């Protein structure tokens, strides 16, 4: 898949003042290097330095997730795709649900989301076992946990935060794990209200700031972002619209298709939270213009960037506050 589409987007940055910022133009990034298969979903994107790490599912992958990296050439608007990460010589993979995260120096590490094993990245695309687990059969846990671990961030050596769930549609929590002591504990229950407690109506994304030592959780089904201290205290709840979720929809198997989706992705730099907002039904995603909210770690909405293209599914930010977005076909570099 080596394609360059000459696509120029006009974007408007609306700050806290009434005066709009000037429009700016951005272009898609040309794929070079290794070819990509037909992609079904990008499930996660992260940037460290000039490298984009992205996790994806393919059209014929039966739910397996794959991890690759790509070098970003901002000057020439190119994205050089590297080989798959963690693929063995026999064609099998070290992890079938890899999830990248960074240490304080920006080095990438990988956790397997289905069993919690942590790997280092070596020789460009090889995964090396650390013999450490985010959660294992030897861990001390506050309740029986689902094997699926979401949105992992490294706080310090051996210390991590993530979203953990009770099995069988139970509660979900922001959680902390120490791999040296093998202790896992809750930070705060993630629930929009006392009436909606299970994880399904509270689905969303978690991110972490090492500089501010705070968490931010963006709700997918509610127009709300909660900023949390590592002690579990609520720093601020940011609500940008009226809630639209009807609890009666939980009786429907496809309830996400029957209600507006709000914050569909979140990413963070040292100083800001960036949240991708739809405010529309999934079926309306191609005709409704999305936007990106820029929020500081005390909960102040700094800016809102309205995008004049749709849909946008995923975002990733650099520590210099640049943004790369995924529109289902191409990566687009957005200059702030």
C-alpha atoms as a PDB file:
ATOM      1  CA  UNK A   1       0.000   0.000   0.000  1.00  0.00           C
ATOM      2  CA  UNK A   2       2.174   2.840  -1.280  1.00  0.00           C
ATOM      3  CA  UNK A   3      -0.135   5.736  -1.975  1.00  0.00           C
ATOM      4  CA  UNK A   4       0.122   9.503  -1.872  1.00  0.00           C
ATOM      5  CA  UNK A   5      -3.163  11.363  -1.876  1.00  0.00           C
ATOM      6  CA  UNK A   6      -2.897  15.110  -2.331  1.00  0.00           C
ATOM      7  CA  UNK A   7      -5.416  15.918   0.357  1.00  0.00           C
ATOM      8  CA  UNK A   8      -5.395  19.347   1.962  1.00  0.00           C
ATOM      9  CA  UNK A   9      -7.478  19.955   5.038  1.00  0.00           C
ATOM     10  CA  UNK A  10      -8.496  23.307   6.414  1.00  0.00           C
ATOM     11  CA  UNK A  11      -8.684  23.420  10.173  1.00  0.00           C
ATOM     12  CA  UNK A  12      -9.812  26.112  12.545  1.00  0.00           C
ATOM     13  CA  UNK A  13      -8.434  26.465  16.057  1.00  0.00           C
ATOM     14  CA  UNK A  14     -10.965  28.020  18.411  1.00  0.00           C
ATOM     15  CA  UNK A  15      -9.363  29.082  21.675  1.00  0.00           C
ATOM     16  CA  UNK A  16     -10.783  30.228  24.996  1.00  0.00           C
ATOM     17  CA  UNK A  17     -11.127  33.721  23.607  1.00  0.00           C
ATOM     18  CA  UNK A  18     -13.708  34.651  20.992  1.00  0.00           C
ATOM     19  CA  UNK A  19     -11.013  35.216  18.353  1.00  0.00           C
ATOM     20  CA  UNK A  20     -10.414  32.245  16.092  1.00  0.00           C
ATOM     21  CA  UNK A  21      -6.857  31.312  15.183  1.00  0.00           C
ATOM     22  CA  UNK A  22      -5.767  31.360  11.526  1.00  0.00           C
ATOM     23  CA  UNK A  23      -6.534  28.321   9.394  1.00  0.00           C
ATOM     24  CA  UNK A  24      -3.695  25.958   8.509  1.00  0.00           C
ATOM     25  CA  UNK A  25      -3.254  23.333   5.816  1.00  0.00           C
ATOM     26  CA  UNK A  26      -2.006  19.787   6.305  1.00  0.00           C
ATOM     27  CA  UNK A  27      -1.441  16.841   3.993  1.00  0.00           C
ATOM     28  CA  UNK A  28      -1.597  13.089   4.096  1.00  0.00           C
ATOM     29  CA  UNK A  29       1.631  11.164   4.620  1.00  0.00           C
ATOM     30  CA  UNK A  30       2.944   9.025   1.793  1.00  0.00           C
ATOM     31  CA  UNK A  31       3.481   5.372   2.711  1.00  0.00           C
ATOM     32  CA  UNK A  32       6.987   4.152   1.831  1.00  0.00           C
ATOM     33  CA  UNK A  33       9.027   1.144   2.965  1.00  0.00           C
ATOM     34  CA  UNK A  34       7.197  -2.102   3.707  1.00  0.00           C
ATOM     35  CA  UNK A  35       3.731  -2.663   2.274  1.00  0.00           C
ATOM     36  CA  UNK A  36       0.727  -2.870   4.582  1.00  0.00           C
ATOM     37  CA  UNK A  37      -2.061  -5.456   4.296  1.00  0.00           C
ATOM     38  CA  UNK A  38      -5.708  -4.454   4.017  1.00  0.00           C
ATOM     39  CA  UNK A  39      -6.401  -2.828   7.407  1.00  0.00           C
ATOM     40  CA  UNK A  40      -9.671  -3.308   9.242  1.00  0.00           C
ATOM     41  CA  UNK A  41      -8.965  -1.194  12.327  1.00  0.00           C
ATOM     42  CA  UNK A  42      -6.174   0.814  13.889  1.00  0.00           C
ATOM     43  CA  UNK A  43      -6.636   0.067  17.589  1.00  0.00           C
ATOM     44  CA  UNK A  44      -3.837   2.193  19.028  1.00  0.00           C
ATOM     45  CA  UNK A  45      -1.299   4.826  17.943  1.00  0.00           C
ATOM     46  CA  UNK A  46       1.616   6.350  19.844  1.00  0.00           C
ATOM     47  CA  UNK A  47       4.526   8.602  18.868  1.00  0.00           C
ATOM     48  CA  UNK A  48       8.036   8.753  20.343  1.00  0.00           C
ATOM     49  CA  UNK A  49      10.488  11.116  18.666  1.00  0.00           C
ATOM     50  CA  UNK A  50      10.167  10.608  14.921  1.00  0.00           C
ATOM     51  CA  UNK A  51       8.603   7.156  15.198  1.00  0.00           C
ATOM     52  CA  UNK A  52       4.945   6.204  15.071  1.00  0.00           C
ATOM     53  CA  UNK A  53       3.921   2.891  16.644  1.00  0.00           C
ATOM     54  CA  UNK A  54       0.549   1.550  15.599  1.00  0.00           C
ATOM     55  CA  UNK A  55      -1.493  -1.544  16.426  1.00  0.00           C
ATOM     56  CA  UNK A  56      -3.938  -2.828  13.842  1.00  0.00           C
ATOM     57  CA  UNK A  57      -6.278  -5.599  12.823  1.00  0.00           C
ATOM     58  CA  UNK A  58      -6.452  -6.878   9.243  1.00  0.00           C
ATOM     59  CA  UNK A  59      -9.439  -7.841   7.144  1.00  0.00           C
ATOM     60  CA  UNK A  60      -8.483 -11.527   7.305  1.00  0.00           C
ATOM     61  CA  UNK A  61      -6.709 -11.601  10.677  1.00  0.00           C
ATOM     62  CA  UNK A  62      -9.584 -13.117  12.737  1.00  0.00           C
ATOM     63  CA  UNK A  63      -9.156 -10.521  15.491  1.00  0.00           C
ATOM     64  CA  UNK A  64      -5.387 -10.876  15.895  1.00  0.00           C
ATOM     65  CA  UNK A  65      -3.594  -7.595  16.493  1.00  0.00           C
ATOM     66  CA  UNK A  66      -0.327  -6.662  14.818  1.00  0.00           C
ATOM     67  CA  UNK A  67       2.250  -4.041  15.781  1.00  0.00           C
ATOM     68  CA  UNK A  68       4.463  -1.998  13.484  1.00  0.00           C
ATOM     69  CA  UNK A  69       6.489   1.176  13.624  1.00  0.00           C
ATOM     70  CA  UNK A  70       7.040   3.844  10.985  1.00  0.00           C
ATOM     71  CA  UNK A  71       9.557   6.675  10.740  1.00  0.00           C
ATOM     72  CA  UNK A  72       7.895  10.054  10.216  1.00  0.00           C
ATOM     73  CA  UNK A  73       9.519  12.420   7.719  1.00  0.00           C
ATOM     74  CA  UNK A  74       7.661  15.634   8.444  1.00  0.00           C
ATOM     75  CA  UNK A  75       9.570  17.729   5.909  1.00  0.00           C
ATOM     76  CA  UNK A  76       8.741  15.460   2.977  1.00  0.00           C
ATOM     77  CA  UNK A  77       5.356  14.230   4.312  1.00  0.00           C
ATOM     78  CA  UNK A  78       6.373  10.570   4.247  1.00  0.00           C
ATOM     79  CA  UNK A  79       5.848   7.634   6.563  1.00  0.00           C
ATOM     80  CA  UNK A  80       8.390   4.823   6.170  1.00  0.00           C
ATOM     81  CA  UNK A  81       6.743   1.571   7.266  1.00  0.00           C
ATOM     82  CA  UNK A  82       8.941  -0.953   9.088  1.00  0.00           C
ATOM     83  CA  UNK A  83       8.466  -4.739   9.336  1.00  0.00           C
ATOM     84  CA  UNK A  84       6.046  -6.311  11.814  1.00  0.00           C
ATOM     85  CA  UNK A  85       7.203  -6.278  15.429  1.00  0.00           C
ATOM     86  CA  UNK A  86       7.359  -9.591  17.274  1.00  0.00           C
ATOM     87  CA  UNK A  87       7.055 -11.910  14.275  1.00  0.00           C
ATOM     88  CA  UNK A  88       9.126 -15.088  14.607  1.00  0.00           C
ATOM     89  CA  UNK A  89      11.045 -16.804  11.826  1.00  0.00           C
ATOM     90  CA  UNK A  90       8.490 -19.634  11.833  1.00  0.00           C
ATOM     91  CA  UNK A  91       5.706 -17.148  11.010  1.00  0.00           C
ATOM     92  CA  UNK A  92       4.166 -17.146  14.494  1.00  0.00           C
ATOM     93  CA  UNK A  93       4.082 -14.127  16.805  1.00  0.00           C
ATOM     94  CA  UNK A  94       5.473 -13.521  20.283  1.00  0.00           C
ATOM     95  CA  UNK A  95       2.269 -11.685  21.244  1.00  0.00           C
ATOM     96  CA  UNK A  96      -1.119 -11.772  19.562  1.00  0.00           C
ATOM     97  CA  UNK A  97      -2.362  -8.672  21.409  1.00  0.00           C
ATOM     98  CA  UNK A  98       0.669  -6.335  21.619  1.00  0.00           C
ATOM     99  CA  UNK A  99       0.300  -2.892  23.161  1.00  0.00           C
ATOM    100  CA  UNK A 100       3.150  -0.324  23.117  1.00  0.00           C
ATOM    101  CA  UNK A 101       4.028   2.024  25.962  1.00  0.00           C
ATOM    102  CA  UNK A 102       7.001   4.281  26.727  1.00  0.00           C
ATOM    103  CA  UNK A 103       9.347   4.710  29.665  1.00  0.00           C
ATOM    104  CA  UNK A 104      10.488   8.122  30.905  1.00  0.00           C
ATOM    105  CA  UNK A 105      13.269   8.216  28.293  1.00  0.00           C
ATOM    106  CA  UNK A 106      10.884   7.547  25.415  1.00  0.00           C
ATOM    107  CA  UNK A 107      12.003   3.958  24.898  1.00  0.00           C
ATOM    108  CA  UNK A 108       9.210   1.680  23.735  1.00  0.00           C
ATOM    109  CA  UNK A 109       8.160  -1.476  25.574  1.00  0.00           C
ATOM    110  CA  UNK A 110       5.357  -3.894  24.817  1.00  0.00           C
ATOM    111  CA  UNK A 111       2.757  -5.558  27.011  1.00  0.00           C
ATOM    112  CA  UNK A 112       0.612  -8.433  25.832  1.00  0.00           C
ATOM    113  CA  UNK A 113      -2.934  -7.334  26.633  1.00  0.00           C
ATOM    114  CA  UNK A 114      -4.284 -10.863  27.007  1.00  0.00           C
ATOM    115  CA  UNK A 115      -1.754 -12.266  29.501  1.00  0.00           C
ATOM    116  CA  UNK A 116       0.083  -9.213  30.891  1.00  0.00           C
ATOM    117  CA  UNK A 117       3.608 -10.253  29.886  1.00  0.00           C
ATOM    118  CA  UNK A 118       6.017  -7.343  29.329  1.00  0.00           C
ATOM    119  CA  UNK A 119       8.633  -7.280  26.553  1.00  0.00           C
ATOM    120  CA  UNK A 120      11.510  -5.037  25.535  1.00  0.00           C
ATOM    121  CA  UNK A 121      12.029  -4.096  21.899  1.00  0.00           C
ATOM    122  CA  UNK A 122      15.411  -5.063  20.445  1.00  0.00           C
ATOM    123  CA  UNK A 123      17.023  -5.085  17.002  1.00  0.00           C
ATOM    124  CA  UNK A 124      14.281  -2.921  15.570  1.00  0.00           C
ATOM    125  CA  UNK A 125      11.420  -5.410  15.565  1.00  0.00           C
ATOM    126  CA  UNK A 126      12.244  -8.291  17.953  1.00  0.00           C
ATOM    127  CA  UNK A 127      10.491  -8.728  21.306  1.00  0.00           C
ATOM    128  CA  UNK A 128      12.648  -9.835  24.234  1.00  0.00           C
ATOM    129  CA  UNK A 129      11.073 -11.286  27.357  1.00  0.00           C
ATOM    130  CA  UNK A 130      11.624  -9.388  30.611  1.00  0.00           C
ATOM    131  CA  UNK A 131      10.112 -12.213  32.696  1.00  0.00           C
ATOM    132  CA  UNK A 132       7.811  -9.621  34.231  1.00  0.00           C
ATOM    133  CA  UNK A 133       4.020  -9.540  34.129  1.00  0.00           C
ATOM    134  CA  UNK A 134       1.693  -6.618  34.674  1.00  0.00           C
ATOM    135  CA  UNK A 135      -0.758  -9.085  36.216  1.00  0.00           C
ATOM    136  CA  UNK A 136      -0.025 -12.796  36.665  1.00  0.00           C
ATOM    137  CA  UNK A 137      -1.262 -15.786  38.602  1.00  0.00           C
ATOM    138  CA  UNK A 138       1.179 -14.795  41.360  1.00  0.00           C
ATOM    139  CA  UNK A 139      -0.102 -11.217  41.646  1.00  0.00           C
ATOM    140  CA  UNK A 140      -1.980  -9.964  44.660  1.00  0.00           C
ATOM    141  CA  UNK A 141      -5.186  -8.505  43.184  1.00  0.00           C
ATOM    142  CA  UNK A 142      -8.158  -6.741  44.833  1.00  0.00           C
ATOM    143  CA  UNK A 143     -10.737  -8.855  42.948  1.00  0.00           C
ATOM    144  CA  UNK A 144     -10.863 -11.556  40.255  1.00  0.00           C
ATOM    145  CA  UNK A 145      -9.809  -9.801  37.054  1.00  0.00           C
ATOM    146  CA  UNK A 146     -10.544 -10.157  33.373  1.00  0.00           C
ATOM    147  CA  UNK A 147      -7.460 -11.131  31.375  1.00  0.00           C
ATOM    148  CA  UNK A 148      -7.859  -8.086  29.108  1.00  0.00           C
ATOM    149  CA  UNK A 149      -5.660  -5.168  30.214  1.00  0.00           C
ATOM    150  CA  UNK A 150      -6.307  -1.776  28.620  1.00  0.00           C
ATOM    151  CA  UNK A 151      -4.394   1.496  28.161  1.00  0.00           C
ATOM    152  CA  UNK A 152      -1.140   0.657  29.940  1.00  0.00           C
ATOM    153  CA  UNK A 153       1.277   3.455  30.902  1.00  0.00           C
ATOM    154  CA  UNK A 154       4.574   3.243  32.758  1.00  0.00           C
ATOM    155  CA  UNK A 155       4.811   5.529  35.804  1.00  0.00           C
ATOM    156  CA  UNK A 156       8.326   4.626  36.958  1.00  0.00           C
ATOM    157  CA  UNK A 157      10.569   1.588  37.186  1.00  0.00           C
ATOM    158  CA  UNK A 158       8.292  -1.434  37.881  1.00  0.00           C
ATOM    159  CA  UNK A 159       5.227   0.808  38.346  1.00  0.00           C
ATOM    160  CA  UNK A 160       2.353   0.949  35.860  1.00  0.00           C
ATOM    161  CA  UNK A 161      -1.209   2.206  35.494  1.00  0.00           C
ATOM    162  CA  UNK A 162      -3.934   0.676  33.342  1.00  0.00           C
ATOM    163  CA  UNK A 163      -7.642  -0.082  33.055  1.00  0.00           C
ATOM    164  CA  UNK A 164      -8.660  -3.394  34.628  1.00  0.00           C
ATOM    165  CA  UNK A 165     -12.063  -5.028  34.721  1.00  0.00           C
ATOM    166  CA  UNK A 166     -14.030  -7.526  36.684  1.00  0.00           C
ATOM    167  CA  UNK A 167     -15.040 -10.491  34.517  1.00  0.00           C
ATOM    168  CA  UNK A 168     -18.503 -11.048  33.024  1.00  0.00           C
ATOM    169  CA  UNK A 169     -19.394  -7.413  32.402  1.00  0.00           C
ATOM    170  CA  UNK A 170     -18.497  -6.214  35.893  1.00  0.00           C
ATOM    171  CA  UNK A 171     -16.946  -2.971  37.108  1.00  0.00           C
ATOM    172  CA  UNK A 172     -13.831  -1.330  35.678  1.00  0.00           C
ATOM    173  CA  UNK A 173     -11.124   0.580  37.482  1.00  0.00           C
ATOM    174  CA  UNK A 174      -8.078   2.701  36.900  1.00  0.00           C
ATOM    175  CA  UNK A 175      -5.467   0.436  38.480  1.00  0.00           C
ATOM    176  CA  UNK A 176      -1.827   0.458  39.582  1.00  0.00           C
ATOM    177  CA  UNK A 177       0.598  -2.467  39.385  1.00  0.00           C
ATOM    178  CA  UNK A 178       4.085  -3.001  40.760  1.00  0.00           C
ATOM    179  CA  UNK A 179       5.854  -5.801  38.899  1.00  0.00           C
ATOM    180  CA  UNK A 180       8.596  -6.164  41.527  1.00  0.00           C
ATOM    181  CA  UNK A 181       6.211  -6.796  44.429  1.00  0.00           C
ATOM    182  CA  UNK A 182       3.544  -8.313  42.122  1.00  0.00           C
ATOM    183  CA  UNK A 183       0.955  -6.148  43.821  1.00  0.00           C
ATOM    184  CA  UNK A 184      -2.053  -4.792  41.924  1.00  0.00           C
ATOM    185  CA  UNK A 185      -4.524  -2.330  43.423  1.00  0.00           C
ATOM    186  CA  UNK A 186      -7.322   0.000  42.388  1.00  0.00           C
ATOM    187  CA  UNK A 187      -6.883   3.754  41.978  1.00  0.00           C
ATOM    188  CA  UNK A 188     -10.483   4.692  41.235  1.00  0.00           C
ATOM    189  CA  UNK A 189     -13.625   3.081  39.882  1.00  0.00           C
ATOM    190  CA  UNK A 190     -14.497   4.363  36.406  1.00  0.00           C
ATOM    191  CA  UNK A 191     -18.249   5.007  36.350  1.00  0.00           C
ATOM    192  CA  UNK A 192     -20.162   7.974  34.971  1.00  0.00           C
ATOM    193  CA  UNK A 193     -22.915   7.750  37.617  1.00  0.00           C
ATOM    194  CA  UNK A 194     -24.160   5.589  40.499  1.00  0.00           C
ATOM    195  CA  UNK A 195     -26.831   4.179  38.182  1.00  0.00           C
ATOM    196  CA  UNK A 196     -24.374   3.080  35.476  1.00  0.00           C
ATOM    197  CA  UNK A 197     -21.721   0.939  37.136  1.00  0.00           C
ATOM    198  CA  UNK A 198     -20.732  -1.885  34.747  1.00  0.00           C
ATOM    199  CA  UNK A 199     -17.906  -1.268  32.298  1.00  0.00           C
ATOM    200  CA  UNK A 200     -20.002  -1.385  29.099  1.00  0.00           C
ATOM    201  CA  UNK A 201     -21.778   2.005  29.475  1.00  0.00           C
ATOM    202  CA  UNK A 202     -18.502   3.394  30.842  1.00  0.00           C
ATOM    203  CA  UNK A 203     -16.254   2.379  27.945  1.00  0.00           C
ATOM    204  CA  UNK A 204     -13.520   4.825  27.048  1.00  0.00           C
ATOM    205  CA  UNK A 205      -9.791   5.507  26.964  1.00  0.00           C
ATOM    206  CA  UNK A 206      -7.231   6.268  29.678  1.00  0.00           C
ATOM    207  CA  UNK A 207      -4.046   8.320  29.353  1.00  0.00           C
ATOM    208  CA  UNK A 208      -1.345   9.413  31.821  1.00  0.00           C
ATOM    209  CA  UNK A 209       0.977  12.398  32.326  1.00  0.00           C
ATOM    210  CA  UNK A 210       4.256  11.643  34.076  1.00  0.00           C
ATOM    211  CA  UNK A 211       4.990  15.374  34.419  1.00  0.00           C
ATOM    212  CA  UNK A 212       1.743  16.037  36.283  1.00  0.00           C
ATOM    213  CA  UNK A 213       1.340  12.500  37.698  1.00  0.00           C
ATOM    214  CA  UNK A 214      -2.313  12.486  36.716  1.00  0.00           C
ATOM    215  CA  UNK A 215      -4.691  10.317  34.719  1.00  0.00           C
ATOM    216  CA  UNK A 216      -7.392  11.324  32.267  1.00  0.00           C
ATOM    217  CA  UNK A 217     -10.282   9.100  31.224  1.00  0.00           C
ATOM    218  CA  UNK A 218     -12.431  10.004  28.200  1.00  0.00           C
ATOM    219  CA  UNK A 219     -15.876   8.391  28.069  1.00  0.00           C
ATOM    220  CA  UNK A 220     -16.960   7.016  24.698  1.00  0.00           C
ATOM    221  CA  UNK A 221     -20.707   7.138  25.387  1.00  0.00           C
ATOM    222  CA  UNK A 222     -20.781  10.373  27.402  1.00  0.00           C
ATOM    223  CA  UNK A 223     -19.398  13.871  26.621  1.00  0.00           C
ATOM    224  CA  UNK A 224     -17.151  13.747  29.686  1.00  0.00           C
ATOM    225  CA  UNK A 225     -13.442  13.583  30.510  1.00  0.00           C
ATOM    226  CA  UNK A 226     -12.397  12.956  34.111  1.00  0.00           C
ATOM    227  CA  UNK A 227      -8.960  14.042  35.327  1.00  0.00           C
ATOM    228  CA  UNK A 228      -7.785  11.990  38.292  1.00  0.00           C
ATOM    229  CA  UNK A 229      -4.982  12.167  40.829  1.00  0.00           C
ATOM    230  CA  UNK A 230      -2.932   9.048  41.456  1.00  0.00           C
ATOM    231  CA  UNK A 231      -4.583   8.942  44.878  1.00  0.00           C
ATOM    232  CA  UNK A 232      -7.907   8.369  43.134  1.00  0.00           C
ATOM    233  CA  UNK A 233      -9.300  11.812  43.835  1.00  0.00           C
ATOM    234  CA  UNK A 234     -11.230  13.558  41.075  1.00  0.00           C
ATOM    235  CA  UNK A 235      -9.302  16.657  39.984  1.00  0.00           C
ATOM    236  CA  UNK A 236     -11.969  17.849  37.560  1.00  0.00           C
ATOM    237  CA  UNK A 237     -14.811  16.529  35.427  1.00  0.00           C
ATOM    238  CA  UNK A 238     -14.886  18.231  32.034  1.00  0.00           C
ATOM    239  CA  UNK A 239     -18.298  18.003  30.346  1.00  0.00           C
ATOM    240  CA  UNK A 240     -18.624  19.656  26.951  1.00  0.00           C
ATOM    241  CA  UNK A 241     -22.254  18.813  26.055  1.00  0.00           C
ATOM    242  CA  UNK A 242     -25.453  17.373  27.505  1.00  0.00           C
ATOM    243  CA  UNK A 243     -25.402  13.630  28.087  1.00  0.00           C
ATOM    244  CA  UNK A 244     -27.283  11.598  25.495  1.00  0.00           C
ATOM    245  CA  UNK A 245     -27.072   8.044  26.822  1.00  0.00           C
ATOM    246  CA  UNK A 246     -30.325   6.215  27.608  1.00  0.00           C
ATOM    247  CA  UNK A 247     -29.737   3.386  30.136  1.00  0.00           C
ATOM    248  CA  UNK A 248     -32.582   1.407  28.547  1.00  0.00           C
ATOM    249  CA  UNK A 249     -30.293   0.835  25.544  1.00  0.00           C
ATOM    250  CA  UNK A 250     -28.261  -1.636  27.624  1.00  0.00           C
ATOM    251  CA  UNK A 251     -31.019  -4.129  26.946  1.00  0.00           C
ATOM    252  CA  UNK A 252     -29.977  -4.083  23.262  1.00  0.00           C
ATOM    253  CA  UNK A 253     -27.032  -6.184  22.052  1.00  0.00           C
ATOM    254  CA  UNK A 254     -25.907  -3.456  19.633  1.00  0.00           C
ATOM    255  CA  UNK A 255     -26.513  -0.492  21.960  1.00  0.00           C
ATOM    256  CA  UNK A 256     -23.376   1.372  20.799  1.00  0.00           C
ATOM    257  CA  UNK A 257     -24.935   1.658  17.347  1.00  0.00           C
ATOM    258  CA  UNK A 258     -28.069   3.247  18.825  1.00  0.00           C
ATOM    259  CA  UNK A 259     -26.546   6.154  20.749  1.00  0.00           C
ATOM    260  CA  UNK A 260     -24.221   9.055  19.912  1.00  0.00           C
ATOM    261  CA  UNK A 261     -20.523   8.411  20.433  1.00  0.00           C
ATOM    262  CA  UNK A 262     -18.644  11.221  22.143  1.00  0.00           C
ATOM    263  CA  UNK A 263     -14.915  10.968  22.946  1.00  0.00           C
ATOM    264  CA  UNK A 264     -13.675   8.193  20.657  1.00  0.00           C
ATOM    265  CA  UNK A 265      -9.943   8.576  21.329  1.00  0.00           C
ATOM    266  CA  UNK A 266      -7.528  10.390  23.617  1.00  0.00           C
ATOM    267  CA  UNK A 267      -3.801  11.115  23.567  1.00  0.00           C
ATOM    268  CA  UNK A 268      -1.530  13.260  25.713  1.00  0.00           C
ATOM    269  CA  UNK A 269       1.650  15.299  25.667  1.00  0.00           C
ATOM    270  CA  UNK A 270       3.448  16.367  28.834  1.00  0.00           C
ATOM    271  CA  UNK A 271       1.244  19.417  29.261  1.00  0.00           C
ATOM    272  CA  UNK A 272      -2.012  18.736  27.428  1.00  0.00           C
ATOM    273  CA  UNK A 273      -4.750  16.197  26.805  1.00  0.00           C
ATOM    274  CA  UNK A 274      -6.022  15.851  23.249  1.00  0.00           C
ATOM    275  CA  UNK A 275      -9.427  14.241  22.850  1.00  0.00           C
ATOM    276  CA  UNK A 276     -11.104  13.276  19.569  1.00  0.00           C
ATOM    277  CA  UNK A 277     -14.819  14.108  19.738  1.00  0.00           C
ATOM    278  CA  UNK A 278     -17.577  12.913  17.408  1.00  0.00           C
ATOM    279  CA  UNK A 279     -20.909  13.747  19.048  1.00  0.00           C
ATOM    280  CA  UNK A 280     -22.797  11.630  16.526  1.00  0.00           C
ATOM    281  CA  UNK A 281     -23.999   8.114  15.835  1.00  0.00           C
ATOM    282  CA  UNK A 282     -21.521   5.665  14.334  1.00  0.00           C
ATOM    283  CA  UNK A 283     -23.653   5.568  11.181  1.00  0.00           C
ATOM    284  CA  UNK A 284     -23.236   9.371  10.875  1.00  0.00           C
ATOM    285  CA  UNK A 285     -19.441   9.401  11.208  1.00  0.00           C
ATOM    286  CA  UNK A 286     -18.784  10.101   7.521  1.00  0.00           C
ATOM    287  CA  UNK A 287     -21.119  13.091   7.350  1.00  0.00           C
ATOM    288  CA  UNK A 288     -20.470  14.672  10.767  1.00  0.00           C
ATOM    289  CA  UNK A 289     -17.358  16.798  11.211  1.00  0.00           C
ATOM    290  CA  UNK A 290     -15.270  15.705  14.234  1.00  0.00           C
ATOM    291  CA  UNK A 291     -13.133  17.939  16.399  1.00  0.00           C
ATOM    292  CA  UNK A 292     -10.185  17.717  18.775  1.00  0.00           C
ATOM    293  CA  UNK A 293     -10.319  19.268  22.242  1.00  0.00           C
ATOM    294  CA  UNK A 294      -7.096  20.475  23.844  1.00  0.00           C
ATOM    295  CA  UNK A 295      -7.324  20.440  27.661  1.00  0.00           C
ATOM    296  CA  UNK A 296      -4.694  21.117  30.309  1.00  0.00           C
ATOM    297  CA  UNK A 297      -4.115  18.766  33.234  1.00  0.00           C
ATOM    298  CA  UNK A 298      -6.138  20.935  35.616  1.00  0.00           C
ATOM    299  CA  UNK A 299      -9.192  20.570  33.370  1.00  0.00           C
ATOM    300  CA  UNK A 300      -9.232  23.867  31.488  1.00  0.00           C
ATOM    301  CA  UNK A 301     -10.356  23.619  27.859  1.00  0.00           C
ATOM    302  CA  UNK A 302      -7.587  25.466  26.018  1.00  0.00           C
ATOM    303  CA  UNK A 303      -8.741  25.024  22.448  1.00  0.00           C
ATOM    304  CA  UNK A 304     -11.068  23.201  20.096  1.00  0.00           C
ATOM    305  CA  UNK A 305      -9.942  22.254  16.608  1.00  0.00           C
ATOM    306  CA  UNK A 306     -12.771  21.595  14.171  1.00  0.00           C
ATOM    307  CA  UNK A 307     -11.749  19.253  11.369  1.00  0.00           C
ATOM    308  CA  UNK A 308     -13.269  19.748   7.939  1.00  0.00           C
ATOM    309  CA  UNK A 309     -12.871  16.098   6.994  1.00  0.00           C
ATOM    310  CA  UNK A 310     -14.536  12.984   8.330  1.00  0.00           C
ATOM    311  CA  UNK A 311     -14.324  10.416   9.657  1.00  0.00           C
ATOM    312  CA  UNK A 312     -11.280  10.524  11.944  1.00  0.00           C
ATOM    313  CA  UNK A 313     -10.843   7.395  14.051  1.00  0.00           C
ATOM    314  CA  UNK A 314      -7.554   7.712  15.962  1.00  0.00           C
ATOM    315  CA  UNK A 315      -5.113  10.401  17.081  1.00  0.00           C
ATOM    316  CA  UNK A 316      -1.549  10.439  18.425  1.00  0.00           C
ATOM    317  CA  UNK A 317       0.372  13.461  19.696  1.00  0.00           C
ATOM    318  CA  UNK A 318       4.045  14.266  20.010  1.00  0.00           C
ATOM    319  CA  UNK A 319       5.498  15.887  23.102  1.00  0.00           C
ATOM    320  CA  UNK A 320       5.825  19.028  20.969  1.00  0.00           C
ATOM    321  CA  UNK A 321       2.030  18.943  20.542  1.00  0.00           C
ATOM    322  CA  UNK A 322       1.955  17.874  16.910  1.00  0.00           C
ATOM    323  CA  UNK A 323      -0.875  15.532  15.929  1.00  0.00           C
ATOM    324  CA  UNK A 324      -1.125  12.638  13.510  1.00  0.00           C
ATOM    325  CA  UNK A 325      -4.624  11.340  12.809  1.00  0.00           C
ATOM    326  CA  UNK A 326      -5.962   8.223  11.062  1.00  0.00           C
ATOM    327  CA  UNK A 327      -8.987   8.541   8.789  1.00  0.00           C
ATOM    328  CA  UNK A 328      -9.451   4.868   7.984  1.00  0.00           C
ATOM    329  CA  UNK A 329      -7.211   4.983   4.912  1.00  0.00           C
ATOM    330  CA  UNK A 330      -4.369   7.440   5.479  1.00  0.00           C
ATOM    331  CA  UNK A 331      -2.312   9.081   8.193  1.00  0.00           C
ATOM    332  CA  UNK A 332      -2.606  12.864   8.214  1.00  0.00           C
ATOM    333  CA  UNK A 333      -0.156  15.220   9.903  1.00  0.00           C
ATOM    334  CA  UNK A 334      -1.866  18.134  11.660  1.00  0.00           C
ATOM    335  CA  UNK A 335       0.361  21.072  12.612  1.00  0.00           C
ATOM    336  CA  UNK A 336      -0.839  23.024  15.639  1.00  0.00           C
END
